[in-house]
Structure formats: structure tokens, C-alpha cells
């Protein structure tokens, strides 16, 4: 994949390019700090890419442009920045893709696989936040008319990203794996063809096919289908 050319705008940092649907390629150079915004409440970083896999035209961006941002999973807490704020801030109409930061890898089945858990990070790369991803009811909604029921398989940021794509059909969403804390297994996972295939298969199954783990009554087969268009290695 071609790398991305970072462009700085108000409140944005370094960007990355994203892989097309079904692959675990792509390039990312941003750390968690880069993925965090310099603007109060914002959780985005902007980049423009010549790569055809980085998404189509979102809102008003020219067809040749690739303008992306990171949405940080944890920004919904202290920063109180919801997916809905990407719309109300006016950013959504200018974006062609969003990297959702971050997904984690875990040692599993003799190799390394994408996964989602509810566990406080200990500093060893073992954490995860399924509650933010698909458990909680956001305070502000992309579609205020959408009611989340107690037994719905999908809520949280993932449900909002799905609504965002419905509102902006040209917008692509990529799961960004790793970041500063969760990138420790990349080199080990890439050592052999078998390990690479195991990793890719698990990530495609989880994010592209949307087969989420069942946690606190949410998730399940296909629960997140249609949200993620591909995978970014950060």
C-alpha cells in the first residue's frame, strides 16, 4: 500500500493509510499521542492518502482526495467526545475515512489473534474496552431517533459508526490495530506464514465480518457486520 501524506489542520496530528476490506495491510505511523487531538474534546488526526483503499468520497471532499481522522475509543470518557460530535463539529462532511483507534491482539491458539475484551489495561498490552466499543449507550447520538434496547446486540461506538456510515454513505471506517500500548505482538505475529494467516483470519472475522464476542448480553455473530471496511496496522 502506498503510505499516506500527513496534513495538519486545526486540532489534528499525524495520519496513516488504511488497508482495503479483507486485508490486514496498511501503514500507520501514529502513536496514541498522535491519534489524540490537540483540540479540546477532539479525537481525530487528519491525513490525505493516494491509496485507493483509503475510502471513497465522504461529504464534500473532491473525489481525488483522501481525508481521514482517528476516532479514539477512550475519548468518550474524559474528553466526552462521541461519534455524534464528528457530525455536529462539521468534520464528517469533510472526511473520506476514519480509523477507529485501537484494536488489540492477544496470544491465543498458539499464535496471535484480534479480540475484544472488557479488562483494565495493566501495562502489558492485555486490556480492552468492549463497553466503549459495543456495550454502552452514548450520551449523544448520530441518529437521535434510534433507540437502543437492553437486548440489542450492538450499542456503543460501533453502533454510532454504523449510523455515521448510513448518514454519509461514502465514508469508510477502518479498525486501527495496535497503537502505543497494543502493538507488542506485531513482529511475533508476522514471523511465519501460518502465524500471519491466523492473525489476518481472526481480524477479518472479528471486524470485517462483525462476529463479536458476546459480552454482557451484547455482541454475537454478525453483530458488527457492515461497519468496518478494512484494517489499519498502526
Protein backbone atom coordinates (compact mmCIF):
# COMPACT_ATOMS: atom_id res chain seq x y z
CA UNK A 1 0.00 0.00 0.00
CA UNK A 2 1.07 3.49 -0.62
CA UNK A 3 1.80 5.43 2.51
CA UNK A 4 -0.22 8.44 3.49
CA UNK A 5 0.85 12.05 3.41
CA UNK A 6 0.02 13.72 6.67
CA UNK A 7 -1.60 17.11 6.56
CA UNK A 8 -2.06 19.21 9.63
CA UNK A 9 -5.26 21.11 10.19
CA UNK A 10 -6.82 22.66 13.24
CA UNK A 11 -6.52 20.18 16.07
CA UNK A 12 -5.15 17.24 14.12
CA UNK A 13 -1.97 15.21 14.21
CA UNK A 14 -0.22 12.56 12.12
CA UNK A 15 -2.18 10.24 9.88
CA UNK A 16 -1.92 6.74 8.45
CA UNK A 17 -3.11 4.79 5.44
CA UNK A 18 -5.68 2.04 5.71
CA UNK A 19 -5.96 -1.40 4.18
CA UNK A 20 -8.77 -2.34 1.86
CA UNK A 21 -11.54 -4.65 3.03
CA UNK A 22 -10.42 -8.18 3.71
CA UNK A 23 -6.73 -7.49 4.28
CA UNK A 24 -4.60 -6.74 7.27
CA UNK A 25 -2.19 -4.45 5.43
CA UNK A 26 -1.83 -0.72 5.56
CA UNK A 27 0.62 1.56 7.22
CA UNK A 28 0.30 3.67 10.28
CA UNK A 29 2.87 5.82 11.91
CA UNK A 30 0.85 7.45 14.63
CA UNK A 31 1.23 6.76 18.32
CA UNK A 32 -1.59 7.21 20.80
CA UNK A 33 -0.45 10.77 21.33
CA UNK A 34 -0.65 11.45 17.62
CA UNK A 35 -4.07 9.86 17.49
CA UNK A 36 -5.22 12.18 20.24
CA UNK A 37 -6.29 15.63 19.20
CA UNK A 38 -4.78 18.94 20.09
CA UNK A 39 -8.26 20.38 20.10
CA UNK A 40 -10.27 20.10 23.29
CA UNK A 41 -12.60 17.15 23.03
CA UNK A 42 -11.49 16.11 19.58
CA UNK A 43 -10.23 12.62 18.96
CA UNK A 44 -9.10 12.88 15.38
CA UNK A 45 -5.98 13.17 13.29
CA UNK A 46 -6.07 14.06 9.64
CA UNK A 47 -4.27 12.59 6.67
CA UNK A 48 -4.64 12.58 2.91
CA UNK A 49 -3.69 9.45 1.00
CA UNK A 50 -3.19 8.50 -2.62
CA UNK A 51 -4.08 4.90 -1.80
CA UNK A 52 -7.27 3.69 -3.45
CA UNK A 53 -8.05 1.57 -0.39
CA UNK A 54 -8.48 4.52 1.92
CA UNK A 55 -12.13 5.04 1.19
CA UNK A 56 -14.40 6.92 -1.15
CA UNK A 57 -15.76 10.42 -1.10
CA UNK A 58 -17.43 11.15 2.21
CA UNK A 59 -19.12 14.52 2.20
CA UNK A 60 -17.85 17.46 0.21
CA UNK A 61 -14.27 16.30 -0.39
CA UNK A 62 -13.13 16.05 -4.03
CA UNK A 63 -13.10 12.52 -5.42
CA UNK A 64 -9.30 12.51 -5.69
CA UNK A 65 -8.79 13.47 -2.04
CA UNK A 66 -8.42 11.05 0.85
CA UNK A 67 -9.01 12.86 4.11
CA UNK A 68 -9.01 10.77 7.27
CA UNK A 69 -9.17 11.01 11.03
CA UNK A 70 -8.62 8.82 14.07
CA UNK A 71 -11.55 8.36 16.42
CA UNK A 72 -10.16 7.28 19.77
CA UNK A 73 -12.12 4.63 21.64
CA UNK A 74 -11.44 6.15 25.07
CA UNK A 75 -12.30 9.72 24.04
CA UNK A 76 -15.93 9.11 25.02
CA UNK A 77 -14.90 9.23 28.69
CA UNK A 78 -12.74 12.10 29.95
CA UNK A 79 -12.92 14.08 26.74
CA UNK A 80 -16.65 13.45 26.34
CA UNK A 81 -16.21 13.19 22.57
CA UNK A 82 -18.86 10.99 20.96
CA UNK A 83 -19.15 9.80 17.36
CA UNK A 84 -22.10 12.20 17.05
CA UNK A 85 -19.68 15.07 17.64
CA UNK A 86 -17.90 14.19 14.39
CA UNK A 87 -21.14 15.25 12.71
CA UNK A 88 -22.01 18.33 14.76
CA UNK A 89 -18.44 19.66 14.56
CA UNK A 90 -18.69 19.71 10.79
CA UNK A 91 -15.82 17.24 10.38
CA UNK A 92 -17.84 14.33 8.98
CA UNK A 93 -18.72 16.01 5.72
CA UNK A 94 -15.01 16.62 5.02
CA UNK A 95 -13.81 13.10 5.76
CA UNK A 96 -13.42 10.13 3.42
CA UNK A 97 -12.28 7.67 6.10
CA UNK A 98 -12.00 7.22 9.85
CA UNK A 99 -9.52 4.99 11.68
CA UNK A 100 -11.09 3.68 14.87
CA UNK A 101 -8.32 3.51 17.49
CA UNK A 102 -7.46 0.98 18.69
CA UNK A 103 -7.99 -2.77 18.40
CA UNK A 104 -5.82 -5.22 20.34
CA UNK A 105 -4.12 -8.55 19.62
CA UNK A 106 -3.90 -11.40 22.13
CA UNK A 107 -1.89 -14.60 22.37
CA UNK A 108 -4.38 -17.33 21.50
CA UNK A 109 -4.50 -20.79 19.91
CA UNK A 110 -0.73 -20.97 19.62
CA UNK A 111 -0.49 -17.66 17.81
CA UNK A 112 -1.92 -14.16 17.88
CA UNK A 113 -5.47 -13.07 17.16
CA UNK A 114 -7.62 -9.97 17.15
CA UNK A 115 -10.01 -9.86 20.07
CA UNK A 116 -12.20 -7.63 22.20
CA UNK A 117 -12.37 -7.96 25.98
CA UNK A 118 -13.51 -5.93 28.96
CA UNK A 119 -10.34 -5.64 31.00
CA UNK A 120 -8.39 -2.79 32.53
CA UNK A 121 -5.02 -2.38 30.84
CA UNK A 122 -2.18 -3.43 33.16
CA UNK A 123 0.61 -2.07 31.01
CA UNK A 124 1.39 -5.41 29.39
CA UNK A 125 -0.95 -4.99 26.43
CA UNK A 126 -3.69 -7.20 27.84
CA UNK A 127 -6.54 -4.70 28.10
CA UNK A 128 -9.65 -3.94 26.11
CA UNK A 129 -12.87 -1.96 26.32
CA UNK A 130 -15.84 -3.83 24.92
CA UNK A 131 -18.07 -1.46 26.90
CA UNK A 132 -16.94 1.54 24.84
CA UNK A 133 -16.90 -0.48 21.61
CA UNK A 134 -20.35 -2.02 21.65
CA UNK A 135 -21.83 -2.02 25.16
CA UNK A 136 -22.68 1.48 26.37
CA UNK A 137 -25.42 3.89 25.34
CA UNK A 138 -23.70 7.07 24.08
CA UNK A 139 -24.78 10.38 25.58
CA UNK A 140 -25.22 11.94 22.15
CA UNK A 141 -26.42 10.01 19.13
CA UNK A 142 -25.75 10.26 15.41
CA UNK A 143 -29.41 9.34 14.93
CA UNK A 144 -31.38 10.65 17.93
CA UNK A 145 -34.44 8.70 16.77
CA UNK A 146 -32.59 5.40 17.16
CA UNK A 147 -33.47 3.72 20.46
CA UNK A 148 -31.04 1.20 21.93
CA UNK A 149 -32.89 -1.67 23.59
CA UNK A 150 -31.46 -3.62 26.53
CA UNK A 151 -31.15 -6.77 24.41
CA UNK A 152 -29.79 -5.22 21.21
CA UNK A 153 -26.59 -6.98 20.13
CA UNK A 154 -24.93 -3.69 19.20
CA UNK A 155 -24.55 -0.38 21.01
CA UNK A 156 -21.60 1.85 21.90
CA UNK A 157 -19.19 3.38 19.41
CA UNK A 158 -19.75 0.62 16.88
CA UNK A 159 -23.47 1.33 16.61
CA UNK A 160 -22.72 5.02 16.20
CA UNK A 161 -20.14 4.35 13.49
CA UNK A 162 -22.75 2.29 11.67
CA UNK A 163 -25.18 5.20 11.88
CA UNK A 164 -22.45 7.58 10.71
CA UNK A 165 -21.88 5.46 7.60
CA UNK A 166 -25.62 5.45 6.90
CA UNK A 167 -25.64 9.24 7.11
CA UNK A 168 -22.50 9.60 4.98
CA UNK A 169 -22.55 6.62 2.58
CA UNK A 170 -19.18 7.44 1.03
CA UNK A 171 -17.37 7.36 4.36
CA UNK A 172 -15.13 4.36 5.06
CA UNK A 173 -14.35 3.06 8.56
CA UNK A 174 -11.16 1.14 9.35
CA UNK A 175 -10.17 -0.59 12.56
CA UNK A 176 -6.71 0.60 13.58
CA UNK A 177 -4.80 -2.13 15.37
CA UNK A 178 -2.06 -1.51 17.89
CA UNK A 179 -1.16 2.00 18.90
CA UNK A 180 1.48 2.68 21.52
CA UNK A 181 0.17 0.16 24.04
CA UNK A 182 -1.18 -2.68 21.91
CA UNK A 183 1.44 -3.17 19.17
CA UNK A 184 3.80 -5.50 21.08
CA UNK A 185 2.73 -8.67 19.24
CA UNK A 186 3.03 -7.47 15.65
CA UNK A 187 6.55 -8.72 14.99
CA UNK A 188 5.88 -12.10 16.58
CA UNK A 189 2.60 -12.50 14.69
CA UNK A 190 4.40 -11.86 11.39
CA UNK A 191 7.20 -14.42 11.85
CA UNK A 192 5.70 -17.24 9.78
CA UNK A 193 3.13 -17.62 7.04
CA UNK A 194 0.91 -19.67 9.36
CA UNK A 195 1.00 -17.02 12.09
CA UNK A 196 0.23 -14.26 9.60
CA UNK A 197 -2.72 -16.17 8.22
CA UNK A 198 -4.02 -16.85 11.72
CA UNK A 199 -3.87 -13.18 12.60
CA UNK A 200 -5.46 -11.97 9.38
CA UNK A 201 -8.25 -14.56 9.55
CA UNK A 202 -9.13 -13.61 13.13
CA UNK A 203 -9.14 -9.86 12.41
CA UNK A 204 -11.29 -10.21 9.30
CA UNK A 205 -13.70 -12.46 11.20
CA UNK A 206 -14.00 -10.05 14.11
CA UNK A 207 -14.10 -6.69 12.38
CA UNK A 208 -14.98 -7.10 8.71
CA UNK A 209 -17.46 -9.95 9.19
CA UNK A 210 -18.52 -8.43 12.51
CA UNK A 211 -18.54 -11.62 14.59
CA UNK A 212 -18.24 -10.05 18.03
CA UNK A 213 -17.77 -11.92 21.29
CA UNK A 214 -20.86 -11.96 23.49
CA UNK A 215 -20.11 -9.72 26.49
CA UNK A 216 -22.75 -8.60 28.99
CA UNK A 217 -25.57 -9.54 26.62
CA UNK A 218 -24.25 -7.68 23.57
CA UNK A 219 -22.34 -8.94 20.56
CA UNK A 220 -22.69 -12.21 18.68
CA UNK A 221 -22.30 -13.46 15.10
CA UNK A 222 -22.59 -10.65 12.55
CA UNK A 223 -23.42 -8.03 15.19
CA UNK A 224 -20.90 -5.57 13.73
CA UNK A 225 -21.18 -6.59 10.08
CA UNK A 226 -21.01 -3.71 7.62
CA UNK A 227 -19.22 -1.29 9.94
CA UNK A 228 -15.54 -1.79 9.15
CA UNK A 229 -14.30 -1.63 5.58
CA UNK A 230 -10.78 -2.77 6.32
CA UNK A 231 -7.87 -2.89 8.73
CA UNK A 232 -5.07 -0.46 9.52
CA UNK A 233 -1.82 -1.55 11.23
CA UNK A 234 -0.74 1.28 13.48
